[in-house]
C-alpha cells in the first residue's frame, strides 16, 4: 500500500468535510470548523479507510482525534503517512 502524503491527507479531509480546498492546515482543529462534526469525522474516517485499503479502520485513536496535527501523528506512527 502506498503511504499518504500530508497534502493528500489534507485534500482527503477537505473532500470528506465538503469544505473549500486550502481551508485546512497543520494547525486546524475540529472545534474551529463547523463541518468537522461527528458526521464529518465519520465521513473522513470512511474515506481514509478506503484510501488506506482498510488499514486506517484498525487504528482506534483516529476516532477521537480532534486536530489535523493529531491525525498526522497517528498516521505517521502507524506507517500510513510519509515523513
N, C-alpha and C. Protein backbone atom coordinates (compact mmCIF):
# COMPACT_ATOMS: atom_id res chain seq x y z
N UNK A 1 0.83 -1.19 0.00
CA UNK A 1 0.00 0.00 0.00
C UNK A 1 0.87 1.25 0.00
N UNK A 2 0.52 2.17 -0.82
CA UNK A 2 1.24 3.43 -0.90
C UNK A 2 0.84 4.34 0.26
N UNK A 3 1.83 4.96 0.88
CA UNK A 3 1.56 5.87 2.00
C UNK A 3 1.02 7.20 1.49
N UNK A 4 0.24 7.84 2.33
CA UNK A 4 -0.29 9.17 2.03
C UNK A 4 0.77 10.24 2.26
N UNK A 5 0.69 11.29 1.50
CA UNK A 5 1.48 12.47 1.82
C UNK A 5 0.61 13.38 2.69
N UNK A 6 1.23 14.35 3.32
CA UNK A 6 0.48 15.29 4.15
C UNK A 6 -0.57 16.01 3.31
N UNK A 7 -0.20 16.44 2.10
CA UNK A 7 -1.13 17.17 1.25
C UNK A 7 -2.29 16.27 0.80
N UNK A 8 -2.02 15.00 0.52
CA UNK A 8 -3.10 14.07 0.15
C UNK A 8 -4.08 13.90 1.31
N UNK A 9 -3.56 13.83 2.52
CA UNK A 9 -4.41 13.70 3.69
C UNK A 9 -5.29 14.94 3.85
N UNK A 10 -4.69 16.11 3.72
CA UNK A 10 -5.45 17.35 3.85
C UNK A 10 -6.55 17.41 2.80
N UNK A 11 -6.24 17.06 1.57
CA UNK A 11 -7.23 17.06 0.49
C UNK A 11 -8.34 16.05 0.77
N UNK A 12 -7.97 14.90 1.31
CA UNK A 12 -8.95 13.87 1.63
C UNK A 12 -9.91 14.37 2.70
N UNK A 13 -9.39 15.02 3.73
CA UNK A 13 -10.23 15.54 4.81
C UNK A 13 -11.13 16.66 4.28
N UNK A 14 -10.57 17.56 3.49
CA UNK A 14 -11.37 18.65 2.93
C UNK A 14 -12.50 18.10 2.07
N UNK A 15 -12.22 17.07 1.30
CA UNK A 15 -13.25 16.44 0.47
C UNK A 15 -14.33 15.78 1.32
N UNK A 16 -13.91 15.06 2.35
CA UNK A 16 -14.87 14.36 3.21
C UNK A 16 -15.76 15.35 3.97
N UNK A 17 -15.17 16.49 4.35
CA UNK A 17 -15.94 17.50 5.08
C UNK A 17 -16.70 18.44 4.14
N UNK A 18 -16.41 18.30 2.83
CA UNK A 18 -17.02 19.15 1.81
C UNK A 18 -16.75 20.62 2.08
N UNK A 19 -15.47 20.91 2.34
CA UNK A 19 -15.05 22.30 2.54
C UNK A 19 -14.08 22.69 1.43
N UNK A 20 -13.88 23.99 1.28
CA UNK A 20 -13.06 24.52 0.21
C UNK A 20 -11.61 24.03 0.32
N UNK A 21 -11.05 23.70 -0.82
CA UNK A 21 -9.65 23.30 -0.87
C UNK A 21 -8.78 24.44 -0.34
N UNK A 22 -7.84 24.11 0.52
CA UNK A 22 -6.98 25.12 1.12
C UNK A 22 -7.49 25.61 2.46
N UNK A 23 -8.61 25.07 2.92
CA UNK A 23 -9.20 25.51 4.19
C UNK A 23 -8.45 24.98 5.41
N UNK A 24 -7.78 23.84 5.25
CA UNK A 24 -7.11 23.20 6.38
C UNK A 24 -5.61 23.37 6.31
N UNK A 25 -5.00 23.39 7.48
CA UNK A 25 -3.55 23.34 7.58
C UNK A 25 -3.20 22.51 8.83
N UNK A 26 -1.93 22.38 9.10
CA UNK A 26 -1.50 21.53 10.21
C UNK A 26 -2.03 21.96 11.57
N UNK A 27 -2.43 23.21 11.69
CA UNK A 27 -2.94 23.73 12.96
C UNK A 27 -4.45 23.64 13.08
N UNK A 28 -5.13 23.10 12.08
CA UNK A 28 -6.60 23.03 12.09
C UNK A 28 -7.10 22.09 13.18
N UNK A 29 -8.14 22.56 13.88
CA UNK A 29 -8.78 21.79 14.94
C UNK A 29 -10.25 21.59 14.58
N UNK A 30 -10.81 20.47 14.99
CA UNK A 30 -12.21 20.18 14.67
C UNK A 30 -13.15 21.25 15.23
N UNK A 31 -12.83 21.78 16.39
CA UNK A 31 -13.70 22.78 17.02
C UNK A 31 -13.76 24.09 16.25
N UNK A 32 -12.81 24.32 15.36
CA UNK A 32 -12.77 25.56 14.59
C UNK A 32 -13.49 25.45 13.24
N UNK A 33 -13.93 24.26 12.88
CA UNK A 33 -14.53 24.03 11.56
C UNK A 33 -15.92 23.43 11.75
N UNK A 34 -16.94 24.20 11.39
CA UNK A 34 -18.32 23.77 11.60
C UNK A 34 -18.61 22.40 10.98
N UNK A 35 -18.06 22.17 9.79
CA UNK A 35 -18.34 20.92 9.07
C UNK A 35 -17.66 19.71 9.71
N UNK A 36 -16.70 19.95 10.59
CA UNK A 36 -15.98 18.85 11.23
C UNK A 36 -16.72 18.44 12.51
N UNK A 37 -17.94 17.96 12.31
CA UNK A 37 -18.75 17.47 13.42
C UNK A 37 -18.64 15.95 13.42
N UNK A 38 -19.48 15.27 14.18
CA UNK A 38 -19.37 13.81 14.27
C UNK A 38 -19.61 13.12 12.93
N UNK A 39 -20.56 13.63 12.15
CA UNK A 39 -20.82 13.05 10.84
C UNK A 39 -19.66 13.34 9.88
N UNK A 40 -19.14 14.54 9.91
CA UNK A 40 -17.99 14.89 9.09
C UNK A 40 -16.78 14.03 9.43
N UNK A 41 -16.58 13.78 10.72
CA UNK A 41 -15.46 12.94 11.16
C UNK A 41 -15.64 11.51 10.66
N UNK A 42 -16.86 11.02 10.73
CA UNK A 42 -17.15 9.67 10.23
C UNK A 42 -16.90 9.59 8.73
N UNK A 43 -17.34 10.61 7.98
CA UNK A 43 -17.09 10.64 6.54
C UNK A 43 -15.59 10.61 6.24
N UNK A 44 -14.83 11.37 7.03
CA UNK A 44 -13.38 11.37 6.87
C UNK A 44 -12.79 9.99 7.15
N UNK A 45 -13.22 9.36 8.24
CA UNK A 45 -12.70 8.04 8.60
C UNK A 45 -12.99 7.01 7.51
N UNK A 46 -14.18 7.06 6.94
CA UNK A 46 -14.55 6.14 5.87
C UNK A 46 -13.67 6.38 4.64
N UNK A 47 -13.50 7.65 4.27
CA UNK A 47 -12.66 7.98 3.11
C UNK A 47 -11.21 7.56 3.34
N UNK A 48 -10.71 7.80 4.54
CA UNK A 48 -9.33 7.42 4.86
C UNK A 48 -9.16 5.91 4.84
N UNK A 49 -10.11 5.20 5.41
CA UNK A 49 -10.02 3.74 5.44
C UNK A 49 -10.06 3.16 4.03
N UNK A 50 -10.90 3.75 3.18
CA UNK A 50 -10.97 3.31 1.78
C UNK A 50 -9.64 3.57 1.09
N UNK A 51 -9.08 4.75 1.28
CA UNK A 51 -7.80 5.12 0.66
C UNK A 51 -6.64 4.24 1.15
N UNK A 52 -6.73 3.80 2.40
CA UNK A 52 -5.65 3.01 3.01
C UNK A 52 -5.94 1.51 3.00
N UNK A 53 -6.85 1.09 2.14
CA UNK A 53 -7.18 -0.33 1.99
C UNK A 53 -7.53 -1.03 3.31
N UNK A 54 -8.29 -0.34 4.15
CA UNK A 54 -8.76 -0.94 5.39
C UNK A 54 -7.82 -0.80 6.57
N UNK A 55 -6.63 -0.28 6.36
CA UNK A 55 -5.64 -0.16 7.44
C UNK A 55 -6.02 0.90 8.47
N UNK A 56 -6.65 1.99 8.03
CA UNK A 56 -6.99 3.07 8.96
C UNK A 56 -8.08 2.64 9.94
N UNK A 57 -8.97 1.76 9.51
CA UNK A 57 -10.04 1.28 10.38
C UNK A 57 -9.55 0.51 11.58
N UNK A 58 -8.31 0.05 11.52
CA UNK A 58 -7.73 -0.71 12.62
C UNK A 58 -7.10 0.20 13.68
N UNK A 59 -7.10 1.51 13.45
CA UNK A 59 -6.45 2.45 14.36
C UNK A 59 -7.52 3.18 15.18
N UNK A 60 -7.76 2.72 16.38
CA UNK A 60 -8.85 3.26 17.20
C UNK A 60 -8.64 4.73 17.58
N UNK A 61 -7.39 5.18 17.68
CA UNK A 61 -7.13 6.57 18.07
C UNK A 61 -7.68 7.58 17.08
N UNK A 62 -7.87 7.17 15.83
CA UNK A 62 -8.39 8.09 14.82
C UNK A 62 -9.82 8.53 15.13
N UNK A 63 -10.58 7.69 15.82
CA UNK A 63 -11.97 8.01 16.13
C UNK A 63 -12.10 9.22 17.04
N UNK A 64 -11.09 9.46 17.88
CA UNK A 64 -11.17 10.56 18.84
C UNK A 64 -10.21 11.71 18.52
N UNK A 65 -9.47 11.59 17.43
CA UNK A 65 -8.54 12.66 17.05
C UNK A 65 -9.33 13.92 16.71
N UNK A 66 -8.88 15.05 17.24
CA UNK A 66 -9.65 16.28 17.05
C UNK A 66 -8.86 17.41 16.40
N UNK A 67 -7.70 17.06 15.84
CA UNK A 67 -6.92 18.07 15.14
C UNK A 67 -6.14 17.41 14.01
N UNK A 68 -5.80 18.20 13.04
CA UNK A 68 -5.04 17.67 11.91
C UNK A 68 -3.66 17.19 12.37
N UNK A 69 -3.03 17.93 13.27
CA UNK A 69 -1.69 17.52 13.74
C UNK A 69 -1.77 16.17 14.47
N UNK A 70 -2.84 15.95 15.21
CA UNK A 70 -3.02 14.68 15.91
C UNK A 70 -3.22 13.54 14.90
N UNK A 71 -4.00 13.77 13.87
CA UNK A 71 -4.22 12.77 12.83
C UNK A 71 -2.92 12.46 12.11
N UNK A 72 -2.15 13.50 11.80
CA UNK A 72 -0.85 13.30 11.13
C UNK A 72 0.07 12.43 11.99
N UNK A 73 0.13 12.72 13.27
CA UNK A 73 0.98 11.95 14.18
C UNK A 73 0.54 10.49 14.25
N UNK A 74 -0.75 10.27 14.37
CA UNK A 74 -1.29 8.90 14.45
C UNK A 74 -0.95 8.12 13.18
N UNK A 75 -1.17 8.74 12.03
CA UNK A 75 -0.91 8.06 10.76
C UNK A 75 0.59 7.79 10.57
N UNK A 76 1.41 8.73 10.99
CA UNK A 76 2.85 8.53 10.87
C UNK A 76 3.31 7.40 11.79
N UNK A 77 2.81 7.37 13.01
CA UNK A 77 3.15 6.32 13.97
C UNK A 77 2.75 4.94 13.43
N UNK A 78 1.66 4.90 12.67
CA UNK A 78 1.16 3.63 12.14
C UNK A 78 1.61 3.36 10.70
N UNK A 79 2.62 4.09 10.26
CA UNK A 79 3.24 3.90 8.94
C UNK A 79 2.28 4.06 7.76
N UNK A 80 1.33 4.99 7.90
CA UNK A 80 0.40 5.26 6.81
C UNK A 80 0.65 6.62 6.15
N UNK A 81 1.67 7.33 6.67
CA UNK A 81 1.96 8.67 6.17
C UNK A 81 3.45 8.81 5.91
N UNK A 82 3.78 9.46 4.80
CA UNK A 82 5.18 9.78 4.53
C UNK A 82 5.68 10.75 5.59
N UNK A 83 6.93 10.63 5.96
CA UNK A 83 7.50 11.55 6.96
C UNK A 83 7.79 12.89 6.35
